[in-house]
Protein backbone atom coordinates (compact mmCIF):
# COMPACT_ATOMS: atom_id res chain seq x y z
CA UNK A 1 174.50 52.56 99.85
CA UNK A 2 172.04 54.32 102.13
CA UNK A 3 171.13 57.99 101.94
CA UNK A 4 169.60 60.21 104.61
CA UNK A 5 166.83 62.65 103.64
CA UNK A 6 165.36 65.45 105.76
CA UNK A 7 162.22 67.44 104.99
CA UNK A 8 159.22 68.85 106.83
CA UNK A 9 155.80 67.30 107.20
CA UNK A 10 154.38 70.19 105.17
CA UNK A 11 156.85 69.57 102.34
CA UNK A 12 155.80 65.91 102.21
CA UNK A 13 152.12 66.89 102.16
CA UNK A 14 152.54 69.60 99.52
CA UNK A 15 154.58 67.35 97.21
CA UNK A 16 151.98 64.58 97.52
CA UNK A 17 149.12 66.96 96.73
CA UNK A 18 150.99 68.53 93.80
CA UNK A 19 151.29 65.12 92.13
CA UNK A 20 147.50 64.77 92.11
CA UNK A 21 146.96 67.92 90.02
CA UNK A 22 146.43 67.59 86.28
CA UNK A 23 147.68 69.61 83.33
CA UNK A 24 144.41 69.65 81.41
CA UNK A 25 142.09 70.47 84.31
CA UNK A 26 141.01 73.71 85.98
CA UNK A 27 141.65 74.00 89.72
CA UNK A 28 139.84 76.26 92.20
CA UNK A 29 142.29 76.99 94.99
CA UNK A 30 142.28 78.75 98.35
CA UNK A 31 143.81 82.21 98.35
CA UNK A 32 146.99 81.11 100.14
CA UNK A 33 148.67 78.43 102.22
CA UNK A 34 149.45 74.81 101.31
CA UNK A 35 146.81 74.49 98.53
CA UNK A 36 148.22 77.41 96.54
CA UNK A 37 151.81 76.26 97.14
CA UNK A 38 150.89 72.76 95.88
CA UNK A 39 149.43 74.29 92.71
CA UNK A 40 152.50 76.45 92.11
CA UNK A 41 154.80 73.45 92.67
CA UNK A 42 152.81 71.34 90.21
CA UNK A 43 153.11 74.11 87.59
CA UNK A 44 156.83 74.44 88.23
CA UNK A 45 157.69 70.74 88.20
CA UNK A 46 155.35 68.77 85.96
CA UNK A 47 152.36 70.66 84.61
CA UNK A 48 153.43 74.08 83.29
CA UNK A 49 150.09 74.69 81.56
CA UNK A 50 148.05 73.85 84.65
CA UNK A 51 145.35 76.50 85.10
CA UNK A 52 143.86 77.62 88.39
CA UNK A 53 141.33 80.06 89.74
CA UNK A 54 141.85 81.81 93.07
CA UNK A 55 138.86 82.37 95.34
CA UNK A 56 139.28 86.17 95.18
CA UNK A 57 138.28 86.00 91.51
CA UNK A 58 141.66 85.82 89.76
CA UNK A 59 141.53 83.51 86.74
CA UNK A 60 144.59 81.64 85.42
CA UNK A 61 147.46 83.82 86.73
CA UNK A 62 151.15 83.11 86.10
CA UNK A 63 152.96 83.92 89.32
CA UNK A 64 156.61 84.77 88.72
CA UNK A 65 159.15 82.67 90.61
CA UNK A 66 160.78 83.09 93.04
CA UNK A 67 157.38 83.84 94.56
CA UNK A 68 157.08 86.91 96.79
CA UNK A 69 156.80 86.22 100.52
CA UNK A 70 153.12 87.11 100.79
CA UNK A 71 150.69 86.20 98.01
CA UNK A 72 147.32 86.52 99.74
CA UNK A 73 145.36 89.14 97.79
CA UNK A 74 148.63 90.65 96.56
CA UNK A 75 149.04 92.07 93.07
CA UNK A 76 151.84 89.57 92.38
CA UNK A 77 149.32 86.74 92.85
CA UNK A 78 147.38 88.06 89.83
CA UNK A 79 150.36 88.50 87.50
CA UNK A 80 149.42 87.93 83.84
CA UNK A 81 145.99 86.58 84.81
CA UNK A 82 143.53 85.84 82.03
CA UNK A 83 140.95 87.88 83.96
CA UNK A 84 140.45 89.63 87.29
CA UNK A 85 136.86 89.10 88.43
CA UNK A 86 135.37 88.54 91.90
CA UNK A 87 134.42 85.68 94.21
CA UNK A 88 130.83 85.51 92.93
CA UNK A 89 131.90 85.25 89.29
CA UNK A 90 134.30 82.35 89.79
CA UNK A 91 131.75 80.62 92.04
CA UNK A 92 129.20 80.93 89.22
CA UNK A 93 131.73 79.29 86.89
CA UNK A 94 132.04 76.39 89.34
CA UNK A 95 128.25 76.12 89.60
CA UNK A 96 128.08 75.79 85.82
CA UNK A 97 130.50 72.85 85.97
CA UNK A 98 133.55 74.58 84.50
CA UNK A 99 135.97 73.87 87.39
CA UNK A 100 137.30 70.36 87.87
CA UNK A 101 139.14 70.38 91.20
CA UNK A 102 138.92 72.34 94.42
CA UNK A 103 142.07 72.35 96.56
CA UNK A 104 141.55 73.37 100.19
CA UNK A 105 142.98 73.19 103.71
CA UNK A 106 140.98 71.98 106.71
CA UNK A 107 141.19 72.44 110.47
CA UNK A 108 138.93 69.42 111.14
CA UNK A 109 137.51 66.76 108.81
CA UNK A 110 135.05 63.93 109.51
CA UNK A 111 134.63 60.49 107.95
CA UNK A 112 132.35 61.81 105.19
CA UNK A 113 134.68 64.63 104.13
CA UNK A 114 132.74 67.45 105.77
CA UNK A 115 135.23 69.94 107.15
CA UNK A 116 135.69 72.85 109.50
CA UNK A 117 137.78 75.98 108.99
CA UNK A 118 135.90 78.33 111.36
CA UNK A 119 136.56 77.54 115.03
CA UNK A 120 137.27 74.81 117.54
CA UNK A 121 135.65 74.71 120.95
CA UNK A 122 132.29 74.24 122.67
CA UNK A 123 130.23 76.86 120.82
CA UNK A 124 130.42 79.45 118.06
CA UNK A 125 129.96 82.24 120.62
CA UNK A 126 132.59 80.73 122.98
CA UNK A 127 135.32 79.19 120.80
CA UNK A 128 138.55 77.85 122.21
CA UNK A 129 140.16 79.20 119.06
CA UNK A 130 138.73 81.00 116.07
CA UNK A 131 140.21 80.77 112.57
CA UNK A 132 139.78 82.84 109.43
CA UNK A 133 136.70 80.95 108.31
CA UNK A 134 135.97 79.27 104.99
CA UNK A 135 136.18 82.31 102.73
CA UNK A 136 135.22 80.75 99.41
CA UNK A 137 135.76 77.16 100.61
CA UNK A 138 132.04 76.51 100.98
CA UNK A 139 131.44 77.31 97.33
CA UNK A 140 134.53 75.38 96.24
CA UNK A 141 133.58 72.23 98.20
CA UNK A 142 129.96 72.54 97.13
CA UNK A 143 130.40 73.12 93.41
CA UNK A 144 133.66 71.68 92.05
CA UNK A 145 133.57 68.19 90.61
CA UNK A 146 136.29 66.90 92.94
CA UNK A 147 137.69 68.37 96.15
CA UNK A 148 141.17 67.70 97.55
CA UNK A 149 141.65 68.49 101.25
CA UNK A 150 145.02 69.04 102.91
CA UNK A 151 145.57 68.73 106.66
CA UNK A 152 148.02 67.26 109.15
CA UNK A 153 147.54 63.67 110.32
CA UNK A 154 146.37 64.23 113.91
CA UNK A 155 143.45 62.84 115.93
CA UNK A 156 142.29 66.34 116.80
CA UNK A 157 141.86 66.99 113.06
CA UNK A 158 140.27 63.66 111.99
CA UNK A 159 137.25 63.80 114.28
CA UNK A 160 134.00 61.88 114.77
CA UNK A 161 132.02 65.11 114.99
CA UNK A 162 133.06 68.52 113.73
CA UNK A 163 132.89 71.45 116.13
CA UNK A 164 131.41 73.36 113.18
CA UNK A 165 130.73 72.43 109.56
CA UNK A 166 132.14 75.20 107.40
CA UNK A 167 131.95 73.28 104.11
CA UNK A 168 130.14 70.14 102.99
CA UNK A 169 131.53 66.77 102.07
CA UNK A 170 129.07 63.89 101.73
CA UNK A 171 127.04 65.30 104.65
CA UNK A 172 125.60 62.27 106.52
CA UNK A 173 126.99 59.86 103.92
CA UNK A 174 123.59 58.60 102.81
CA UNK A 175 122.90 58.11 99.07
CA UNK A 176 121.97 61.40 97.42
CA UNK A 177 122.62 63.51 100.54
CA UNK A 178 124.46 66.22 98.59
CA UNK A 179 121.80 66.32 95.89
CA UNK A 180 118.99 66.63 98.49
CA UNK A 181 120.86 69.62 99.92
CA UNK A 182 120.79 71.26 96.50
CA UNK A 183 124.39 70.54 95.49
CA UNK A 184 125.31 69.44 91.96
CA UNK A 185 125.12 65.71 91.29
CA UNK A 186 128.42 63.89 90.92
CA UNK A 187 130.44 66.34 93.01
CA UNK A 188 132.13 65.90 96.38
CA UNK A 189 135.36 65.21 98.23
CA UNK A 190 137.87 63.09 96.31
CA UNK A 191 141.12 62.92 98.30
CA UNK A 192 142.39 63.92 101.74
CA UNK A 193 146.16 64.44 101.81
CA UNK A 194 148.33 64.45 104.94
CA UNK A 195 152.04 64.04 105.61
CA UNK A 196 151.43 60.34 106.37
CA UNK A 197 148.67 59.27 104.02
CA UNK A 198 146.21 59.81 101.21
CA UNK A 199 142.56 58.92 101.76
CA UNK A 200 139.79 58.55 99.22
CA UNK A 201 136.07 57.83 99.73
CA UNK A 202 134.13 54.60 99.25
CA UNK A 203 131.68 55.00 96.37
CA UNK A 204 128.74 53.40 98.20
CA UNK A 205 129.09 54.37 101.87
CA UNK A 206 131.02 57.62 101.20
CA UNK A 207 133.20 56.79 104.20
CA UNK A 208 136.83 57.88 104.17
CA UNK A 209 139.23 55.10 103.13
CA UNK A 210 142.99 54.80 103.56
CA UNK A 211 144.41 54.53 100.05
CA UNK A 212 148.16 55.22 100.38
CA UNK A 213 150.70 56.00 103.09
CA UNK A 214 154.23 57.26 103.54
CA UNK A 215 156.96 54.61 103.17
CA UNK A 216 158.12 54.99 106.77
CA UNK A 217 154.59 54.62 108.22
CA UNK A 218 152.38 51.64 109.00
CA UNK A 219 148.61 51.33 108.82
CA UNK A 220 148.54 51.39 112.63
CA UNK A 221 150.55 54.64 112.64
CA UNK A 222 147.95 56.29 110.44
CA UNK A 223 144.88 54.88 112.22
CA UNK A 224 146.27 55.96 115.59
CA UNK A 225 145.89 59.56 114.40
CA UNK A 226 142.24 59.22 113.34
CA UNK A 227 139.43 59.55 115.90
CA UNK A 228 136.92 57.59 113.80
CA UNK A 229 137.54 54.26 112.07
CA UNK A 230 138.16 54.74 108.35
CA UNK A 231 137.98 51.99 105.79
CA UNK A 232 141.27 50.54 104.54
CA UNK A 233 141.81 49.71 100.86
CA UNK A 234 142.61 46.04 100.11
CA UNK A 235 146.01 47.13 98.83
CA UNK A 236 147.46 50.29 100.40
CA UNK A 237 149.85 52.07 98.03
CA UNK A 238 153.19 53.58 99.06
CA UNK A 239 153.69 57.31 98.62
CA UNK A 240 156.90 58.74 97.21
CA UNK A 241 159.21 60.89 99.25
CA UNK A 242 159.76 64.49 98.12
CA UNK A 243 162.46 64.44 95.47
CA UNK A 244 165.57 66.59 95.74
CA UNK A 245 164.32 68.58 92.75
CA UNK A 246 160.92 69.20 94.36
CA UNK A 247 162.50 70.30 97.64
CA UNK A 248 164.90 72.62 95.84
CA UNK A 249 162.03 74.20 93.90
CA UNK A 250 159.89 74.55 97.01
CA UNK A 251 162.61 76.14 99.12
CA UNK A 252 164.22 78.40 96.53
CA UNK A 253 161.37 79.31 94.17
CA UNK A 254 157.83 78.44 95.27
CA UNK A 255 158.06 79.35 98.96
CA UNK A 256 161.49 80.96 99.48
CA UNK A 257 160.29 82.72 102.64
CA UNK A 258 159.47 79.35 104.21
CA UNK A 259 156.11 80.63 105.47
CA UNK A 260 154.14 77.59 104.31
CA UNK A 261 156.64 74.74 104.09
CA UNK A 262 157.87 75.09 107.66
CA UNK A 263 156.77 72.33 110.01
CA UNK A 264 157.96 69.27 111.88
CA UNK A 265 161.25 67.94 110.57
CA UNK A 266 161.29 64.31 109.40
CA UNK A 267 164.53 62.43 108.78
CA UNK A 268 164.48 59.11 106.94
CA UNK A 269 167.12 56.72 105.66
CA UNK A 270 166.76 55.07 102.24
CA UNK A 271 168.59 51.82 101.62
CA UNK A 272 167.88 49.47 98.73
CA UNK A 273 164.37 50.79 98.20
CA UNK A 274 163.52 50.55 101.91
CA UNK A 275 162.77 53.67 103.94
CA UNK A 276 163.34 53.85 107.67
CA UNK A 277 162.29 56.67 109.96
CA UNK A 278 165.36 58.04 111.74
CA UNK A 279 163.94 61.02 113.62
CA UNK A 280 160.75 63.04 113.76
CA UNK A 281 159.91 66.14 115.75
CA UNK A 282 156.95 65.89 118.09
CA UNK A 283 153.65 67.42 116.91
CA UNK A 284 152.82 70.97 117.95
CA UNK A 285 149.46 72.63 118.53
CA UNK A 286 149.63 74.59 115.28
CA UNK A 287 146.48 74.62 113.16
C-alpha cells in the first residue's frame, strides 16, 4: 500500500543534518536559522545530551520546547546554559581544539568548501544583495575539527568562484593549504547538506564529492544544480525521508512559528520501499 508524504525542502535538509550530529561531541553552531534548528531537533529526537556552543558565547544551553519564535540573541536561547561568555571566549575554546563540529549555513559554496555569507554581486562596494555576514562563521570554519554546511541545492549557490570568501574551506585545495594559512592541522569542511544530497570531500584533492542523495532524486538531478563538476562516490547512498515523528517535533516543538522550516513543498509517494516524486514547488530567489 502506498503512502503520500509532504514536507518542505528545509525540513528535509534539517532532518538530514540533525542525523549527522553526535551525542558525545561538542558543536559550535550559528546563532539562528537551520543550523540551530538541526541541533535542537537532534537533541529532541536522538541525542538528548548533545552539547552545543552558540557563537554569541552561550555554552551548553537547554532551550525549553516549544521553542519561542525568535531565538537569535534572546534570553530563552541561553536557558540553563553552563556559562554565558562572549564570542572571543568560545572561539578561543575552538582554537584549543575543544569543539568537534561547526554547523553553519552558506549563501555560496565552492568545490573546496570555501563559502560566502556576505554578499552576492560584482563588488563588495556594489553588491546585488548584501547579507548579514559571517558573524562567528569565520572562526567556526577555521577552528573546529569538522564543519557541516547547510544550503539549498541550486546552481547559484554551488559556484565555480565565490563572489566573496567569508569563511575558509580547503582554500585552493592544495595539500597543506589550510596549514599554510595558519589554520589548525586536521580541520576543515566535512559535509555539505542540501535538500537533495549530502556531499563530503575527497581526502587527497579536497574536492567536493557526492556521497548521498534523496530517494526521489538522480545523480543527474543533483549535478544539474552544481555549477562546477564535483566528484561522485563509487556507491552513492540513499538518504532517508523525514519521519512523521521528526516532522511533528519540528512543527510543534522545535520551530512552531515555522520561521525556519518554511520552504518549497515536496510531495512524494512511497510504495514498497520505492519513493516517487509527485509534486515539487519551483525554486524561489530566497537566500
